[in-house]
């Protein structure tokens, strides 16, 4: 289910990052999607997503 969700929402990031990072983006989404499963908390996902977005913004 997690892999299907990450494949579904992956193309939404293409306009921001381009096709060349699609595989890396898929892996990051799998990791971020696993955070609430492991941490049993959606707050952990919100923090992980914020950190990932800030890192992506900073690395541009």
N, C-alpha and C. Protein backbone atom coordinates (compact mmCIF):
# COMPACT_ATOMS: atom_id res chain seq x y z
N UNK A 1 0.82 -1.19 0.00
CA UNK A 1 0.00 0.00 0.00
C UNK A 1 0.86 1.25 0.00
N UNK A 2 1.92 1.25 0.79
CA UNK A 2 2.81 2.41 0.86
C UNK A 2 3.47 2.66 -0.48
N UNK A 3 3.93 1.62 -1.15
CA UNK A 3 4.58 1.78 -2.46
C UNK A 3 3.59 2.33 -3.49
N UNK A 4 2.35 1.91 -3.43
CA UNK A 4 1.34 2.41 -4.37
C UNK A 4 1.09 3.90 -4.12
N UNK A 5 1.00 4.28 -2.87
CA UNK A 5 0.78 5.69 -2.54
C UNK A 5 1.96 6.55 -2.98
N UNK A 6 3.18 6.06 -2.80
CA UNK A 6 4.33 6.85 -3.20
C UNK A 6 4.43 6.97 -4.72
N UNK A 7 4.04 5.93 -5.43
CA UNK A 7 4.03 6.01 -6.90
C UNK A 7 2.94 6.93 -7.40
N UNK A 8 1.83 6.98 -6.69
CA UNK A 8 0.72 7.83 -7.10
C UNK A 8 1.06 9.31 -6.94
N UNK A 9 1.69 9.67 -5.85
CA UNK A 9 1.98 11.07 -5.58
C UNK A 9 3.34 11.52 -6.11
N UNK A 10 4.13 10.61 -6.60
CA UNK A 10 5.44 10.96 -7.14
C UNK A 10 5.43 11.96 -8.27
N UNK A 11 4.57 11.76 -9.26
CA UNK A 11 4.55 12.71 -10.38
C UNK A 11 4.18 14.14 -9.96
N UNK A 12 3.59 14.32 -8.79
CA UNK A 12 3.29 15.67 -8.33
C UNK A 12 4.56 16.48 -8.06
N UNK A 13 5.67 15.81 -7.79
CA UNK A 13 6.93 16.51 -7.52
C UNK A 13 7.73 16.80 -8.78
N UNK A 14 7.34 16.23 -9.90
CA UNK A 14 8.09 16.42 -11.15
C UNK A 14 8.19 17.89 -11.55
N UNK A 15 7.12 18.68 -11.47
CA UNK A 15 7.28 20.09 -11.84
C UNK A 15 8.28 20.85 -10.96
N UNK A 16 8.43 20.43 -9.72
CA UNK A 16 9.38 21.09 -8.83
C UNK A 16 10.82 20.65 -9.05
N UNK A 17 11.02 19.33 -9.20
CA UNK A 17 12.37 18.79 -9.22
C UNK A 17 12.80 18.20 -10.56
N UNK A 18 11.84 17.91 -11.44
CA UNK A 18 12.17 17.31 -12.73
C UNK A 18 12.15 15.79 -12.67
N UNK A 19 12.22 15.18 -13.85
CA UNK A 19 12.17 13.72 -13.96
C UNK A 19 13.45 13.05 -13.46
N UNK A 20 14.56 13.78 -13.46
CA UNK A 20 15.85 13.15 -13.13
C UNK A 20 15.94 12.71 -11.67
N UNK A 21 15.13 13.26 -10.80
CA UNK A 21 15.20 12.89 -9.39
C UNK A 21 14.02 12.01 -8.96
N UNK A 22 13.29 11.47 -9.92
CA UNK A 22 12.09 10.70 -9.59
C UNK A 22 12.40 9.46 -8.75
N UNK A 23 13.48 8.77 -9.04
CA UNK A 23 13.83 7.57 -8.27
C UNK A 23 14.22 7.94 -6.84
N UNK A 24 15.04 8.98 -6.68
CA UNK A 24 15.42 9.43 -5.35
C UNK A 24 14.20 9.91 -4.58
N UNK A 25 13.32 10.63 -5.25
CA UNK A 25 12.10 11.11 -4.61
C UNK A 25 11.23 9.95 -4.15
N UNK A 26 11.15 8.89 -4.96
CA UNK A 26 10.39 7.70 -4.57
C UNK A 26 10.96 7.09 -3.29
N UNK A 27 12.27 6.98 -3.23
CA UNK A 27 12.90 6.40 -2.03
C UNK A 27 12.67 7.26 -0.80
N UNK A 28 12.76 8.56 -0.96
CA UNK A 28 12.53 9.46 0.17
C UNK A 28 11.08 9.36 0.63
N UNK A 29 10.14 9.28 -0.32
CA UNK A 29 8.73 9.15 0.05
C UNK A 29 8.47 7.83 0.77
N UNK A 30 9.15 6.77 0.37
CA UNK A 30 9.00 5.50 1.09
C UNK A 30 9.49 5.64 2.53
N UNK A 31 10.62 6.30 2.68
CA UNK A 31 11.18 6.51 4.03
C UNK A 31 10.24 7.36 4.87
N UNK A 32 9.79 8.48 4.30
CA UNK A 32 8.89 9.36 5.05
C UNK A 32 7.54 8.68 5.32
N UNK A 33 7.10 7.85 4.40
CA UNK A 33 5.84 7.13 4.61
C UNK A 33 5.95 6.08 5.71
N UNK A 34 7.14 5.57 5.93
CA UNK A 34 7.35 4.57 6.97
C UNK A 34 7.44 5.20 8.36
N UNK A 35 7.71 6.49 8.43
CA UNK A 35 7.89 7.15 9.73
C UNK A 35 6.65 7.00 10.62
N UNK A 36 5.43 7.29 10.14
CA UNK A 36 4.29 7.12 11.05
C UNK A 36 4.01 5.67 11.41
N UNK A 37 4.40 4.74 10.52
CA UNK A 37 4.20 3.33 10.83
C UNK A 37 5.13 2.89 11.96
N UNK A 38 6.36 3.39 11.91
CA UNK A 38 7.34 3.00 12.92
C UNK A 38 7.15 3.78 14.21
N UNK A 39 6.87 5.07 14.08
CA UNK A 39 6.74 5.93 15.25
C UNK A 39 5.36 5.96 15.84
N UNK A 40 4.38 5.37 15.13
CA UNK A 40 2.99 5.35 15.57
C UNK A 40 2.46 6.77 15.83
N UNK A 41 2.98 7.75 15.06
CA UNK A 41 2.57 9.12 15.27
C UNK A 41 2.64 9.90 13.97
N UNK A 42 1.58 10.63 13.66
CA UNK A 42 1.59 11.49 12.48
C UNK A 42 2.41 12.74 12.74
N UNK A 43 2.63 13.08 14.00
CA UNK A 43 3.49 14.23 14.33
C UNK A 43 4.91 13.99 13.86
N UNK A 44 5.37 12.76 13.98
CA UNK A 44 6.72 12.42 13.50
C UNK A 44 6.82 12.60 12.00
N UNK A 45 5.75 12.25 11.27
CA UNK A 45 5.74 12.45 9.83
C UNK A 45 5.78 13.92 9.48
N UNK A 46 5.04 14.74 10.20
CA UNK A 46 5.02 16.18 9.95
C UNK A 46 6.40 16.78 10.16
N UNK A 47 7.09 16.36 11.20
CA UNK A 47 8.44 16.85 11.46
C UNK A 47 9.40 16.37 10.38
N UNK A 48 9.32 15.10 10.01
CA UNK A 48 10.21 14.55 8.98
C UNK A 48 9.97 15.23 7.63
N UNK A 49 8.71 15.49 7.28
CA UNK A 49 8.39 16.15 6.02
C UNK A 49 8.90 17.59 6.01
N UNK A 50 8.76 18.28 7.13
CA UNK A 50 9.26 19.65 7.24
C UNK A 50 10.77 19.70 7.09
N UNK A 51 11.46 18.80 7.74
CA UNK A 51 12.92 18.74 7.63
C UNK A 51 13.33 18.42 6.19
N UNK A 52 12.64 17.49 5.55
CA UNK A 52 12.97 17.14 4.16
C UNK A 52 12.70 18.31 3.23
N UNK A 53 11.61 19.02 3.43
CA UNK A 53 11.31 20.19 2.59
C UNK A 53 12.34 21.29 2.79
N UNK A 54 12.72 21.55 4.03
CA UNK A 54 13.73 22.57 4.29
C UNK A 54 15.08 22.18 3.70
N UNK A 55 15.43 20.92 3.79
CA UNK A 55 16.69 20.46 3.21
C UNK A 55 16.66 20.59 1.68
N UNK A 56 15.53 20.25 1.07
CA UNK A 56 15.39 20.41 -0.37
C UNK A 56 15.48 21.85 -0.79
N UNK A 57 14.87 22.73 -0.02
CA UNK A 57 14.91 24.16 -0.32
C UNK A 57 16.34 24.70 -0.17
N UNK A 58 17.02 24.25 0.88
CA UNK A 58 18.38 24.73 1.15
C UNK A 58 19.36 24.23 0.09
N UNK A 59 19.16 23.02 -0.40
CA UNK A 59 20.08 22.44 -1.38
C UNK A 59 19.87 22.97 -2.80
N UNK A 60 18.79 23.67 -3.06
CA UNK A 60 18.56 24.21 -4.41
C UNK A 60 19.53 25.25 -4.76
